[in-house]
């Protein structure tokens, strides 16, 4: 008799509470150090607390990977309950979390760790897909293998209104930030081969740029799997978010449009006014 399958993920996949409950996903939180205190992403810190602290003190948090011992402690109770586990981790190019989880999984039978090659709901797309497969009765090993292939087809990108957090976090130079802000440039950051990089720059008002960006990303939707898409933001204006969701719905007949907010780890790096559309293509994303 096949074991029960449990889907787990680190906190960077930014799933909503509703999706976590729907697929019974167990979350392994990354660490966040702010103001001399260590917090757990999604448990005792929020993006709004990070933004408030930054506004008052000018200090950004430091995010930290989950170590091997923490991964073992996370997996063990579920293994002891008789589950086989498929675990999803932030891209191995961005964090040592994946490798630590992989090493921890070697201590058990039937724990499979998938490198999402992504972050935020780029990985969340894989978690939801895995949850669907588990509900269909697939075994853990097969789910992991299918999701590793799906990872090559995830199209994840986002627009950043202000480069302040990226600049302060050492991810773009002062000159780049100054030039972008002076010219009202909004970079489109995409994840390709597990790494983040700018693929295009838009110019203009944030709300107008988002409309252009969404049209560009979805296009005629002929190469997009239409079962699900995420619209994920890091604290954008409510009306802007609503307009983006409606635009996505108008461009293609997606079965489900998931609207989610990025968690503390992702928000700490991108800053408040950031929004992206994330989906799975029919062909590999280069």
Protein backbone atom coordinates (compact mmCIF):
# COMPACT_ATOMS: atom_id res chain seq x y z
CA UNK A 1 0.00 0.00 0.00
CA UNK A 2 1.35 3.42 -1.02
CA UNK A 3 2.13 5.92 1.71
CA UNK A 4 0.11 9.06 2.17
CA UNK A 5 1.74 12.00 0.37
CA UNK A 6 2.36 15.29 2.15
CA UNK A 7 3.32 18.45 0.27
CA UNK A 8 5.67 20.81 2.12
CA UNK A 9 7.40 24.02 1.16
CA UNK A 10 9.63 26.71 2.53
CA UNK A 11 7.99 30.07 3.23
CA UNK A 12 9.24 31.76 0.06
CA UNK A 13 6.51 30.27 -2.15
CA UNK A 14 4.10 32.94 -0.84
CA UNK A 15 0.95 30.84 -0.88
CA UNK A 16 -2.22 32.32 0.57
CA UNK A 17 -3.72 30.76 3.72
CA UNK A 18 -6.56 29.46 1.55
CA UNK A 19 -4.21 27.55 -0.77
CA UNK A 20 -2.18 26.23 2.15
CA UNK A 21 -5.38 24.86 3.64
CA UNK A 22 -6.74 23.53 0.34
CA UNK A 23 -3.69 21.37 -0.29
CA UNK A 24 -2.71 20.78 3.36
CA UNK A 25 0.73 22.27 2.73
CA UNK A 26 3.14 22.41 5.66
CA UNK A 27 5.44 25.44 5.67
CA UNK A 28 9.09 25.61 6.75
CA UNK A 29 9.85 29.27 7.61
CA UNK A 30 13.09 31.00 6.67
CA UNK A 31 14.75 33.22 9.25
CA UNK A 32 14.64 37.01 9.21
CA UNK A 33 16.82 39.18 11.44
CA UNK A 34 15.54 42.71 12.08
CA UNK A 35 16.46 45.16 14.81
CA UNK A 36 18.67 42.57 16.49
CA UNK A 37 15.83 40.04 16.74
CA UNK A 38 15.41 36.77 14.85
CA UNK A 39 11.96 36.14 13.39
CA UNK A 40 10.35 33.34 11.38
CA UNK A 41 8.91 34.26 8.01
CA UNK A 42 5.13 34.06 8.05
CA UNK A 43 4.91 33.33 11.77
CA UNK A 44 6.03 36.26 13.88
CA UNK A 45 6.96 38.94 11.32
CA UNK A 46 5.08 40.58 8.47
CA UNK A 47 6.08 42.68 5.45
CA UNK A 48 4.30 45.71 6.95
CA UNK A 49 6.47 45.43 10.07
CA UNK A 50 9.55 45.40 7.85
CA UNK A 51 8.38 48.49 5.95
CA UNK A 52 7.55 50.31 9.19
CA UNK A 53 10.94 49.48 10.71
CA UNK A 54 12.71 50.66 7.55
CA UNK A 55 10.77 53.96 7.50
CA UNK A 56 11.66 54.61 11.14
CA UNK A 57 15.23 53.30 11.29
CA UNK A 58 16.48 52.95 7.71
CA UNK A 59 17.42 49.34 8.40
CA UNK A 60 16.59 46.43 6.11
CA UNK A 61 16.31 42.91 7.50
CA UNK A 62 18.74 40.11 6.78
CA UNK A 63 17.22 36.85 5.57
CA UNK A 64 18.78 33.50 6.41
CA UNK A 65 18.58 29.98 5.04
CA UNK A 66 17.18 27.07 7.01
CA UNK A 67 20.02 24.85 8.28
CA UNK A 68 20.22 21.08 7.99
CA UNK A 69 19.21 20.43 11.60
CA UNK A 70 16.11 22.60 11.23
CA UNK A 71 15.17 20.72 8.07
CA UNK A 72 15.55 17.36 9.83
CA UNK A 73 13.42 18.58 12.73
CA UNK A 74 10.79 19.75 10.24
CA UNK A 75 10.59 16.50 8.25
CA UNK A 76 10.82 14.02 11.12
CA UNK A 77 7.31 14.32 12.67
CA UNK A 78 5.65 13.86 9.28
CA UNK A 79 7.86 10.88 8.40
CA UNK A 80 7.07 9.37 11.79
CA UNK A 81 3.37 9.74 10.98
CA UNK A 82 3.90 7.59 7.88
CA UNK A 83 3.95 10.25 5.17
CA UNK A 84 6.10 10.37 2.10
CA UNK A 85 7.05 14.02 1.50
CA UNK A 86 7.52 16.23 -1.54
CA UNK A 87 9.23 19.42 -0.39
CA UNK A 88 9.68 22.60 -2.44
CA UNK A 89 12.57 25.00 -1.92
CA UNK A 90 13.59 28.43 -3.16
CA UNK A 91 16.03 28.30 -6.08
CA UNK A 92 19.39 26.78 -5.22
CA UNK A 93 20.94 29.74 -7.06
CA UNK A 94 19.47 32.13 -4.49
CA UNK A 95 19.86 30.31 -1.18
CA UNK A 96 21.57 27.36 0.49
CA UNK A 97 18.14 26.30 1.79
CA UNK A 98 17.67 23.78 -1.03
CA UNK A 99 20.97 22.04 -0.42
CA UNK A 100 20.37 21.91 3.33
CA UNK A 101 16.94 20.38 2.77
CA UNK A 102 18.44 17.88 0.32
CA UNK A 103 21.03 16.82 2.88
CA UNK A 104 18.34 16.50 5.55
CA UNK A 105 16.18 14.38 3.23
CA UNK A 106 19.00 11.83 2.98
CA UNK A 107 18.30 10.94 6.62
CA UNK A 108 14.87 9.57 5.65
CA UNK A 109 13.15 7.37 3.14
CA UNK A 110 10.63 8.88 0.76
CA UNK A 111 11.46 12.57 1.26
CA UNK A 112 11.93 14.25 -2.11
CA UNK A 113 13.23 17.83 -2.31
CA UNK A 114 12.42 19.82 -5.43
CA UNK A 115 14.50 22.82 -6.45
CA UNK A 116 11.82 25.22 -7.75
CA UNK A 117 14.51 27.21 -9.61
CA UNK A 118 12.34 30.13 -8.60
CA UNK A 119 11.00 32.25 -5.76
CA UNK A 120 7.64 33.55 -4.56
CA UNK A 121 4.65 32.11 -6.39
CA UNK A 122 6.91 30.94 -9.20
CA UNK A 123 7.56 28.14 -6.72
CA UNK A 124 3.98 28.37 -5.52
CA UNK A 125 2.79 27.21 -8.94
CA UNK A 126 4.72 23.98 -8.41
CA UNK A 127 3.35 23.51 -4.90
CA UNK A 128 -0.23 23.87 -6.12
CA UNK A 129 0.45 21.51 -9.03
CA UNK A 130 1.92 18.98 -6.59
CA UNK A 131 -1.14 19.29 -4.37
CA UNK A 132 -3.36 18.53 -7.35
CA UNK A 133 -1.26 15.50 -8.24
CA UNK A 134 -1.37 14.23 -4.66
CA UNK A 135 -5.17 14.53 -4.69
CA UNK A 136 -5.19 12.46 -7.88
CA UNK A 137 -3.30 9.68 -6.07
CA UNK A 138 0.18 10.02 -7.57
CA UNK A 139 3.09 8.81 -5.46
CA UNK A 140 5.67 11.21 -4.05
CA UNK A 141 8.53 10.21 -6.35
CA UNK A 142 6.38 10.70 -9.45
CA UNK A 143 5.12 14.07 -8.21
CA UNK A 144 8.69 15.26 -7.60
CA UNK A 145 9.82 14.18 -11.07
CA UNK A 146 6.86 15.84 -12.79
CA UNK A 147 7.40 19.06 -10.84
CA UNK A 148 11.08 19.18 -11.74
CA UNK A 149 9.99 19.23 -15.39
CA UNK A 150 7.29 21.82 -14.68
CA UNK A 151 9.93 24.06 -13.07
CA UNK A 152 11.53 24.56 -16.50
CA UNK A 153 8.25 26.02 -17.79
CA UNK A 154 7.46 28.49 -15.01
CA UNK A 155 7.40 32.09 -16.23
CA UNK A 156 7.94 34.34 -13.20
CA UNK A 157 8.47 38.09 -13.43
CA UNK A 158 7.55 41.28 -11.64
CA UNK A 159 7.71 45.05 -11.93
CA UNK A 160 9.40 47.16 -9.26
CA UNK A 161 8.24 50.75 -8.85
CA UNK A 162 11.14 51.88 -6.68
CA UNK A 163 14.66 50.43 -6.57
CA UNK A 164 15.36 51.63 -3.01
CA UNK A 165 15.21 48.18 -1.38
CA UNK A 166 17.21 46.54 -4.17
CA UNK A 167 19.81 49.31 -3.91
CA UNK A 168 20.04 49.24 -0.11
CA UNK A 169 20.26 45.45 -0.23
CA UNK A 170 23.24 45.63 -2.59
CA UNK A 171 21.40 44.30 -5.62
CA UNK A 172 21.80 47.34 -7.85
CA UNK A 173 24.29 50.20 -7.90
CA UNK A 174 23.66 53.78 -6.79
CA UNK A 175 24.04 54.90 -10.39
CA UNK A 176 21.45 52.41 -11.63
CA UNK A 177 18.99 53.39 -8.91
CA UNK A 178 19.54 57.11 -9.52
CA UNK A 179 19.14 56.76 -13.28
CA UNK A 180 16.03 54.63 -13.00
CA UNK A 181 14.34 56.99 -10.54
CA UNK A 182 15.32 60.10 -12.51
CA UNK A 183 13.93 58.69 -15.76
CA UNK A 184 10.93 57.04 -14.06
CA UNK A 185 12.12 53.64 -15.28
CA UNK A 186 10.46 50.52 -13.88
CA UNK A 187 12.54 47.37 -14.36
CA UNK A 188 10.92 44.06 -15.18
CA UNK A 189 12.76 41.44 -13.15
CA UNK A 190 12.41 37.85 -14.33
CA UNK A 191 13.69 34.54 -13.03
CA UNK A 192 15.61 32.61 -15.66
CA UNK A 193 17.62 29.45 -14.97
CA UNK A 194 17.15 29.95 -11.25
CA UNK A 195 18.51 33.51 -11.18
CA UNK A 196 16.93 36.96 -11.14
CA UNK A 197 17.76 39.56 -13.77
CA UNK A 198 16.26 42.56 -15.54
CA UNK A 199 14.80 41.62 -18.92
CA UNK A 200 13.13 44.91 -19.83
CA UNK A 201 12.66 48.47 -18.57
CA UNK A 202 9.37 50.31 -18.74
CA UNK A 203 8.90 54.03 -18.34
CA UNK A 204 6.05 55.95 -16.82
CA UNK A 205 3.51 55.84 -14.03
CA UNK A 206 3.47 52.56 -12.10
CA UNK A 207 -0.20 51.78 -12.81
CA UNK A 208 0.26 52.39 -16.55
CA UNK A 209 3.47 50.39 -16.68
CA UNK A 210 1.73 47.42 -15.04
CA UNK A 211 -0.92 47.38 -17.76
CA UNK A 212 1.74 47.33 -20.47
CA UNK A 213 3.76 44.69 -18.62
CA UNK A 214 0.79 42.34 -18.17
CA UNK A 215 -0.12 42.65 -21.85
CA UNK A 216 3.47 41.85 -22.80
CA UNK A 217 3.76 38.84 -20.49
CA UNK A 218 0.48 37.17 -21.38
CA UNK A 219 0.37 38.15 -25.04
CA UNK A 220 -2.08 35.98 -26.96
CA UNK A 221 -1.71 33.28 -24.27
CA UNK A 222 -1.18 30.59 -26.92
CA UNK A 223 1.87 29.22 -25.07
CA UNK A 224 0.38 29.42 -21.57
CA UNK A 225 -1.21 26.63 -19.54
CA UNK A 226 -4.56 28.17 -18.66
CA UNK A 227 -5.41 26.22 -15.52
CA UNK A 228 -3.84 28.74 -13.10
CA UNK A 229 -2.00 32.03 -12.82
CA UNK A 230 -0.80 34.09 -9.87
CA UNK A 231 -0.99 37.84 -9.46
CA UNK A 232 1.34 38.48 -6.54
CA UNK A 233 2.20 41.83 -4.95
CA UNK A 234 4.32 43.12 -2.08
CA UNK A 235 1.93 45.71 -0.67
CA UNK A 236 0.64 47.64 -3.70
CA UNK A 237 -2.34 49.96 -3.74
CA UNK A 238 -5.61 48.03 -3.53
CA UNK A 239 -7.12 49.60 -6.66
CA UNK A 240 -3.99 48.90 -8.69
CA UNK A 241 -4.10 45.25 -7.59
CA UNK A 242 -7.78 44.96 -8.45
CA UNK A 243 -7.22 46.44 -11.91
CA UNK A 244 -4.34 44.03 -12.60
CA UNK A 245 -6.43 41.00 -11.61
CA UNK A 246 -9.28 42.13 -13.85
CA UNK A 247 -6.88 42.72 -16.73
CA UNK A 248 -5.44 39.21 -16.40
CA UNK A 249 -8.96 37.75 -16.43
CA UNK A 250 -9.84 39.74 -19.55
CA UNK A 251 -6.80 38.58 -21.53
CA UNK A 252 -7.23 34.81 -21.30
CA UNK A 253 -9.76 32.28 -19.92
CA UNK A 254 -7.72 31.16 -16.92
CA UNK A 255 -9.55 28.59 -14.79
CA UNK A 256 -8.21 30.13 -11.61
CA UNK A 257 -6.55 33.49 -10.98
CA UNK A 258 -4.85 33.41 -7.57
CA UNK A 259 -4.26 36.79 -5.93
CA UNK A 260 -1.60 36.66 -3.22
CA UNK A 261 0.69 38.90 -1.24
CA UNK A 262 4.41 38.22 -1.02
CA UNK A 263 5.73 37.15 2.37
CA UNK A 264 8.45 38.77 4.44
CA UNK A 265 11.48 37.11 2.79
CA UNK A 266 10.54 38.19 -0.72
CA UNK A 267 9.24 41.62 0.38
CA UNK A 268 12.48 42.32 2.24
CA UNK A 269 14.36 42.19 -1.06
CA UNK A 270 11.98 43.86 -3.51
CA UNK A 271 10.18 46.51 -1.45
CA UNK A 272 6.57 47.56 -1.21
CA UNK A 273 5.43 48.59 -4.69
CA UNK A 274 6.18 45.40 -6.59
CA UNK A 275 3.73 43.27 -8.58
CA UNK A 276 4.10 40.29 -10.86
CA UNK A 277 2.19 37.76 -12.92
CA UNK A 278 3.42 34.17 -12.70
CA UNK A 279 2.24 31.21 -14.74
CA UNK A 280 3.31 27.99 -16.47
CA UNK A 281 4.08 27.91 -20.16
CA UNK A 282 3.60 24.99 -22.53
CA UNK A 283 7.22 25.21 -23.60
CA UNK A 284 10.46 25.61 -21.67
CA UNK A 285 11.28 29.15 -20.51
CA UNK A 286 14.72 30.19 -21.70
